[in-house]
Amino acid sequence: MTVTTLSPIDARAEIEAGARLVDIRDPDEHARERIGGAINLPLARLHDLPQDGRPVVFHCRSGMRTAANATQLAAAAGHAPAYILEGGIDAWRRAGYATVADRSQPLEIMRQVQITAGSLVILGVLLGLFVGHAFFGLSAFVGGGLIFAGTTGWCGMAHLLQWMPWNRRAAA
C-alpha cells in the first residue's frame, strides 16, 4: 500500500471525516507541541496502531521523518488508507490551524544536544585561543561524539541530558 501526501487543508478534511491523526515524533516533542486530538506513536511503537480500518494521517515536525519512513507508515496502517501531512506540524501551524503548546515542557532532547554541543565547541575554541591550545581538544571531543552518534544512532550526550532535573517531568 502507498502513502499519499496531503496539504494541511486536505489533512484537516480527512481528520474531520474520521481519519486518525498519528504523531510519529518522540514523546518529548509531542509533549511540547502537538495537534489537538493526535495520538503519539513514535516509529518504534507503530505496531500499537489499532487496525480498525480507519484512514490514518501521519505527521512529524517538518514532514521529513514521515516522508523518509513512508513504507513503514503504510505497513503500520494495514489495509486502511494512509496519508502524510505535508510539511508536518510546521505546515499545519503556517496554514493557521491551532496546536496545543505547553512551553513549560523542556526543549526536545535533540535540540538540547545541539545547543550543548554547539556551546561546548565554541567554548573549546575560545579557551584554546585565549587560555591554552590543549582546550581545542574539547571541541575535537565533542565533534568526535557527534560523528559517533551520527554513525551509530547512539548519542551519549542525549542520554546524559535525559538525566537532568528539567527533563524528568512526565510527558503530557
C-alpha atoms as a PDB file:
ATOM      1  CA  MET A   1       0.000   0.000   0.000  1.00  0.00           C
ATOM      2  CA  THR A   2       1.202   3.521  -0.712  1.00  0.00           C
ATOM      3  CA  VAL A   3       1.056   6.682   1.347  1.00  0.00           C
ATOM      4  CA  THR A   4      -0.489   9.830  -0.124  1.00  0.00           C
ATOM      5  CA  THR A   5       0.762  13.278   0.855  1.00  0.00           C
ATOM      6  CA  LEU A   6      -1.915  15.762   1.912  1.00  0.00           C
ATOM      7  CA  SER A   7      -1.805  19.516   2.355  1.00  0.00           C
ATOM      8  CA  PRO A   8      -2.874  20.789   5.788  1.00  0.00           C
ATOM      9  CA  ILE A   9      -6.282  21.735   4.341  1.00  0.00           C
ATOM     10  CA  ASP A  10      -6.849  18.251   2.892  1.00  0.00           C
ATOM     11  CA  ALA A  11      -5.461  16.564   6.012  1.00  0.00           C
ATOM     12  CA  ARG A  12      -7.853  18.524   8.204  1.00  0.00           C
ATOM     13  CA  ALA A  13     -10.759  17.468   5.978  1.00  0.00           C
ATOM     14  CA  GLU A  14      -9.703  13.796   6.327  1.00  0.00           C
ATOM     15  CA  ILE A  15      -9.418  14.142  10.103  1.00  0.00           C
ATOM     16  CA  GLU A  16     -12.830  15.799  10.321  1.00  0.00           C
ATOM     17  CA  ALA A  17     -14.215  12.923   8.226  1.00  0.00           C
ATOM     18  CA  GLY A  18     -12.927  10.427  10.805  1.00  0.00           C
ATOM     19  CA  ALA A  19      -9.279   9.748   9.992  1.00  0.00           C
ATOM     20  CA  ARG A  20      -6.965   9.065  12.921  1.00  0.00           C
ATOM     21  CA  LEU A  21      -4.135  11.595  13.367  1.00  0.00           C
ATOM     22  CA  VAL A  22      -0.840   9.978  14.441  1.00  0.00           C
ATOM     23  CA  ASP A  23       2.183  11.962  15.588  1.00  0.00           C
ATOM     24  CA  ILE A  24       5.318   9.860  14.982  1.00  0.00           C
ATOM     25  CA  ARG A  25       7.643  12.219  16.894  1.00  0.00           C
ATOM     26  CA  ASP A  26       9.206  11.319  20.215  1.00  0.00           C
ATOM     27  CA  PRO A  27       7.134  11.857  23.385  1.00  0.00           C
ATOM     28  CA  ASP A  28       9.190  14.888  24.466  1.00  0.00           C
ATOM     29  CA  GLU A  29       8.439  16.622  21.152  1.00  0.00           C
ATOM     30  CA  HIS A  30       4.744  15.721  21.361  1.00  0.00           C
ATOM     31  CA  ALA A  31       4.508  17.000  24.948  1.00  0.00           C
ATOM     32  CA  ARG A  32       5.916  20.405  23.980  1.00  0.00           C
ATOM     33  CA  GLU A  33       3.606  20.989  20.984  1.00  0.00           C
ATOM     34  CA  ARG A  34       1.014  18.839  19.259  1.00  0.00           C
ATOM     35  CA  ILE A  35      -2.030  18.980  17.046  1.00  0.00           C
ATOM     36  CA  GLY A  36      -5.140  18.534  19.174  1.00  0.00           C
ATOM     37  CA  GLY A  37      -6.517  15.016  19.004  1.00  0.00           C
ATOM     38  CA  ALA A  38      -3.281  13.467  17.704  1.00  0.00           C
ATOM     39  CA  ILE A  39      -2.117  10.239  19.286  1.00  0.00           C
ATOM     40  CA  ASN A  40       1.606   9.888  19.856  1.00  0.00           C
ATOM     41  CA  LEU A  41       3.095   6.726  18.366  1.00  0.00           C
ATOM     42  CA  PRO A  42       6.828   7.083  17.713  1.00  0.00           C
ATOM     43  CA  LEU A  43       8.216   4.924  14.921  1.00  0.00           C
ATOM     44  CA  ALA A  44       9.300   2.206  17.370  1.00  0.00           C
ATOM     45  CA  ARG A  45       5.707   1.855  18.621  1.00  0.00           C
ATOM     46  CA  LEU A  46       3.805   1.885  15.323  1.00  0.00           C
ATOM     47  CA  HIS A  47       2.833  -1.740  15.946  1.00  0.00           C
ATOM     48  CA  ASP A  48       0.432  -0.357  18.619  1.00  0.00           C
ATOM     49  CA  LEU A  49      -1.676   1.386  15.957  1.00  0.00           C
ATOM     50  CA  PRO A  50      -5.227  -0.028  16.063  1.00  0.00           C
ATOM     51  CA  GLN A  51      -6.136  -1.923  12.886  1.00  0.00           C
ATOM     52  CA  ASP A  52      -9.778  -0.865  12.655  1.00  0.00           C
ATOM     53  CA  GLY A  53      -9.829   0.217   9.003  1.00  0.00           C
ATOM     54  CA  ARG A  54      -9.912   3.942   9.790  1.00  0.00           C
ATOM     55  CA  PRO A  55      -7.798   6.110   7.499  1.00  0.00           C
ATOM     56  CA  VAL A  56      -4.611   7.366   9.162  1.00  0.00           C
ATOM     57  CA  VAL A  57      -2.900  10.741   8.760  1.00  0.00           C
ATOM     58  CA  PHE A  58       0.717  10.605   9.981  1.00  0.00           C
ATOM     59  CA  HIS A  59       2.700  13.684  10.874  1.00  0.00           C
ATOM     60  CA  CYS A  60       6.040  14.779  12.295  1.00  0.00           C
ATOM     61  CA  ARG A  61       7.516  18.255  12.735  1.00  0.00           C
ATOM     62  CA  SER A  62       8.536  19.149   9.180  1.00  0.00           C
ATOM     63  CA  GLY A  63       7.373  16.203   7.068  1.00  0.00           C
ATOM     64  CA  MET A  64      10.876  14.822   6.561  1.00  0.00           C
ATOM     65  CA  ARG A  65      10.577  11.966   9.083  1.00  0.00           C
ATOM     66  CA  THR A  66       7.244  10.843   7.692  1.00  0.00           C
ATOM     67  CA  ALA A  67       8.489  11.010   4.102  1.00  0.00           C
ATOM     68  CA  ALA A  68      11.636   9.050   4.977  1.00  0.00           C
ATOM     69  CA  ASN A  69       9.561   6.327   6.655  1.00  0.00           C
ATOM     70  CA  ALA A  70       6.625   6.207   4.245  1.00  0.00           C
ATOM     71  CA  THR A  71       6.944   2.460   3.608  1.00  0.00           C
ATOM     72  CA  GLN A  72       6.905   1.694   7.333  1.00  0.00           C
ATOM     73  CA  LEU A  73       3.918   4.012   7.862  1.00  0.00           C
ATOM     74  CA  ALA A  74       1.947   2.354   5.067  1.00  0.00           C
ATOM     75  CA  ALA A  75       2.638  -1.054   6.600  1.00  0.00           C
ATOM     76  CA  ALA A  76       1.519   0.168  10.031  1.00  0.00           C
ATOM     77  CA  ALA A  77      -1.784   1.406   8.586  1.00  0.00           C
ATOM     78  CA  GLY A  78      -2.509  -2.068   7.272  1.00  0.00           C
ATOM     79  CA  HIS A  79      -5.309  -2.048   4.715  1.00  0.00           C
ATOM     80  CA  ALA A  80      -6.554   1.403   5.757  1.00  0.00           C
ATOM     81  CA  PRO A  81      -5.758   4.466   3.648  1.00  0.00           C
ATOM     82  CA  ALA A  82      -2.530   6.110   4.843  1.00  0.00           C
ATOM     83  CA  TYR A  83      -1.654   9.769   4.448  1.00  0.00           C
ATOM     84  CA  ILE A  84       1.236  12.046   5.363  1.00  0.00           C
ATOM     85  CA  LEU A  85       0.666  15.640   6.441  1.00  0.00           C
ATOM     86  CA  GLU A  86       2.868  17.549   4.000  1.00  0.00           C
ATOM     87  CA  GLY A  87       5.199  19.832   5.925  1.00  0.00           C
ATOM     88  CA  GLY A  88       4.191  18.332   9.268  1.00  0.00           C
ATOM     89  CA  ILE A  89       3.078  20.328  12.268  1.00  0.00           C
ATOM     90  CA  ASP A  90       5.073  23.315  10.976  1.00  0.00           C
ATOM     91  CA  ALA A  91       2.883  23.493   7.843  1.00  0.00           C
ATOM     92  CA  TRP A  92      -0.250  22.916   9.950  1.00  0.00           C
ATOM     93  CA  ARG A  93       0.641  25.958  12.056  1.00  0.00           C
ATOM     94  CA  ARG A  94       1.534  28.054   8.959  1.00  0.00           C
ATOM     95  CA  ALA A  95      -1.895  27.212   7.500  1.00  0.00           C
ATOM     96  CA  GLY A  96      -3.434  28.934  10.520  1.00  0.00           C
ATOM     97  CA  TYR A  97      -4.591  25.815  12.347  1.00  0.00           C
ATOM     98  CA  ALA A  98      -4.267  25.614  16.109  1.00  0.00           C
ATOM     99  CA  THR A  99      -1.794  23.495  18.009  1.00  0.00           C
ATOM    100  CA  VAL A 100      -1.622  22.669  21.687  1.00  0.00           C
ATOM    101  CA  ALA A 101       1.629  24.099  23.030  1.00  0.00           C
ATOM    102  CA  ASP A 102       2.996  23.551  26.504  1.00  0.00           C
ATOM    103  CA  ARG A 103       6.071  25.770  26.771  1.00  0.00           C
ATOM    104  CA  SER A 104       6.564  24.617  30.367  1.00  0.00           C
ATOM    105  CA  GLN A 105       7.788  21.306  28.927  1.00  0.00           C
ATOM    106  CA  PRO A 106      11.553  21.120  28.386  1.00  0.00           C
ATOM    107  CA  LEU A 107      13.025  21.580  24.929  1.00  0.00           C
ATOM    108  CA  GLU A 108      13.252  18.397  22.871  1.00  0.00           C
ATOM    109  CA  ILE A 109      16.316  16.315  23.754  1.00  0.00           C
ATOM    110  CA  MET A 110      17.895  16.664  20.302  1.00  0.00           C
ATOM    111  CA  ARG A 111      17.578  20.456  20.450  1.00  0.00           C
ATOM    112  CA  GLN A 112      19.252  20.343  23.861  1.00  0.00           C
ATOM    113  CA  VAL A 113      22.039  18.224  22.342  1.00  0.00           C
ATOM    114  CA  GLN A 114      22.509  20.751  19.534  1.00  0.00           C
ATOM    115  CA  ILE A 115      22.644  23.686  21.960  1.00  0.00           C
ATOM    116  CA  THR A 116      25.015  21.902  24.338  1.00  0.00           C
ATOM    117  CA  ALA A 117      27.321  20.579  21.607  1.00  0.00           C
ATOM    118  CA  GLY A 118      27.498  23.954  19.875  1.00  0.00           C
ATOM    119  CA  SER A 119      28.220  25.712  23.162  1.00  0.00           C
ATOM    120  CA  LEU A 120      30.976  23.241  24.062  1.00  0.00           C
ATOM    121  CA  VAL A 121      32.600  23.606  20.633  1.00  0.00           C
ATOM    122  CA  ILE A 122      32.618  27.403  20.906  1.00  0.00           C
ATOM    123  CA  LEU A 123      33.892  27.198  24.495  1.00  0.00           C
ATOM    124  CA  GLY A 124      36.692  24.836  23.413  1.00  0.00           C
ATOM    125  CA  VAL A 125      37.728  27.149  20.584  1.00  0.00           C
ATOM    126  CA  LEU A 126      37.686  30.269  22.780  1.00  0.00           C
ATOM    127  CA  LEU A 127      39.606  28.583  25.582  1.00  0.00           C
ATOM    128  CA  GLY A 128      42.037  27.174  23.018  1.00  0.00           C
ATOM    129  CA  LEU A 129      42.676  30.628  21.602  1.00  0.00           C
ATOM    130  CA  PHE A 130      42.884  32.589  24.849  1.00  0.00           C
ATOM    131  CA  VAL A 131      43.951  30.132  27.564  1.00  0.00           C
ATOM    132  CA  GLY A 132      45.831  27.172  26.152  1.00  0.00           C
ATOM    133  CA  HIS A 133      45.928  25.113  22.979  1.00  0.00           C
ATOM    134  CA  ALA A 134      45.018  21.946  24.874  1.00  0.00           C
ATOM    135  CA  PHE A 135      41.428  23.236  25.148  1.00  0.00           C
ATOM    136  CA  PHE A 136      40.979  22.663  21.395  1.00  0.00           C
ATOM    137  CA  GLY A 137      40.691  19.033  22.469  1.00  0.00           C
ATOM    138  CA  LEU A 138      37.257  19.800  23.940  1.00  0.00           C
ATOM    139  CA  SER A 139      35.975  20.820  20.503  1.00  0.00           C
ATOM    140  CA  ALA A 140      37.562  17.733  18.955  1.00  0.00           C
ATOM    141  CA  PHE A 141      35.981  15.501  21.620  1.00  0.00           C
ATOM    142  CA  VAL A 142      32.502  16.952  21.007  1.00  0.00           C
ATOM    143  CA  GLY A 143      32.957  16.670  17.231  1.00  0.00           C
ATOM    144  CA  GLY A 144      34.013  13.031  17.600  1.00  0.00           C
ATOM    145  CA  GLY A 145      30.971  12.373  19.771  1.00  0.00           C
ATOM    146  CA  LEU A 146      28.684  13.858  17.138  1.00  0.00           C
ATOM    147  CA  ILE A 147      30.279  11.719  14.424  1.00  0.00           C
ATOM    148  CA  PHE A 148      29.880   8.628  16.625  1.00  0.00           C
ATOM    149  CA  ALA A 149      26.217   9.498  17.306  1.00  0.00           C
ATOM    150  CA  GLY A 150      25.551  10.017  13.612  1.00  0.00           C
ATOM    151  CA  THR A 151      27.112   6.721  12.564  1.00  0.00           C
ATOM    152  CA  THR A 152      25.786   4.506  15.366  1.00  0.00           C
ATOM    153  CA  GLY A 153      22.485   6.133  16.282  1.00  0.00           C
ATOM    154  CA  TRP A 154      23.545   6.268  19.959  1.00  0.00           C
ATOM    155  CA  CYS A 155      24.158   9.706  21.467  1.00  0.00           C
ATOM    156  CA  GLY A 156      25.846   9.777  24.840  1.00  0.00           C
ATOM    157  CA  MET A 157      25.071  13.452  25.294  1.00  0.00           C
ATOM    158  CA  ALA A 158      21.353  12.820  24.750  1.00  0.00           C
ATOM    159  CA  HIS A 159      21.398  10.051  27.368  1.00  0.00           C
ATOM    160  CA  LEU A 160      23.216  12.330  29.798  1.00  0.00           C
ATOM    161  CA  LEU A 161      20.799  15.201  29.189  1.00  0.00           C
ATOM    162  CA  GLN A 162      17.807  12.920  29.814  1.00  0.00           C
ATOM    163  CA  TRP A 163      19.004  12.594  33.427  1.00  0.00           C
ATOM    164  CA  MET A 164      18.997  16.340  34.015  1.00  0.00           C
ATOM    165  CA  PRO A 165      16.347  17.511  36.510  1.00  0.00           C
ATOM    166  CA  TRP A 166      14.432  19.621  33.967  1.00  0.00           C
ATOM    167  CA  ASN A 167      13.947  16.538  31.745  1.00  0.00           C
ATOM    168  CA  ARG A 168      12.477  14.306  34.454  1.00  0.00           C
ATOM    169  CA  ARG A 169       8.926  15.628  34.045  1.00  0.00           C
ATOM    170  CA  ALA A 170       6.158  13.347  32.947  1.00  0.00           C
ATOM    171  CA  ALA A 171       5.264  13.877  29.293  1.00  0.00           C
ATOM    172  CA  ALA A 172       1.716  15.050  28.581  1.00  0.00           C
END
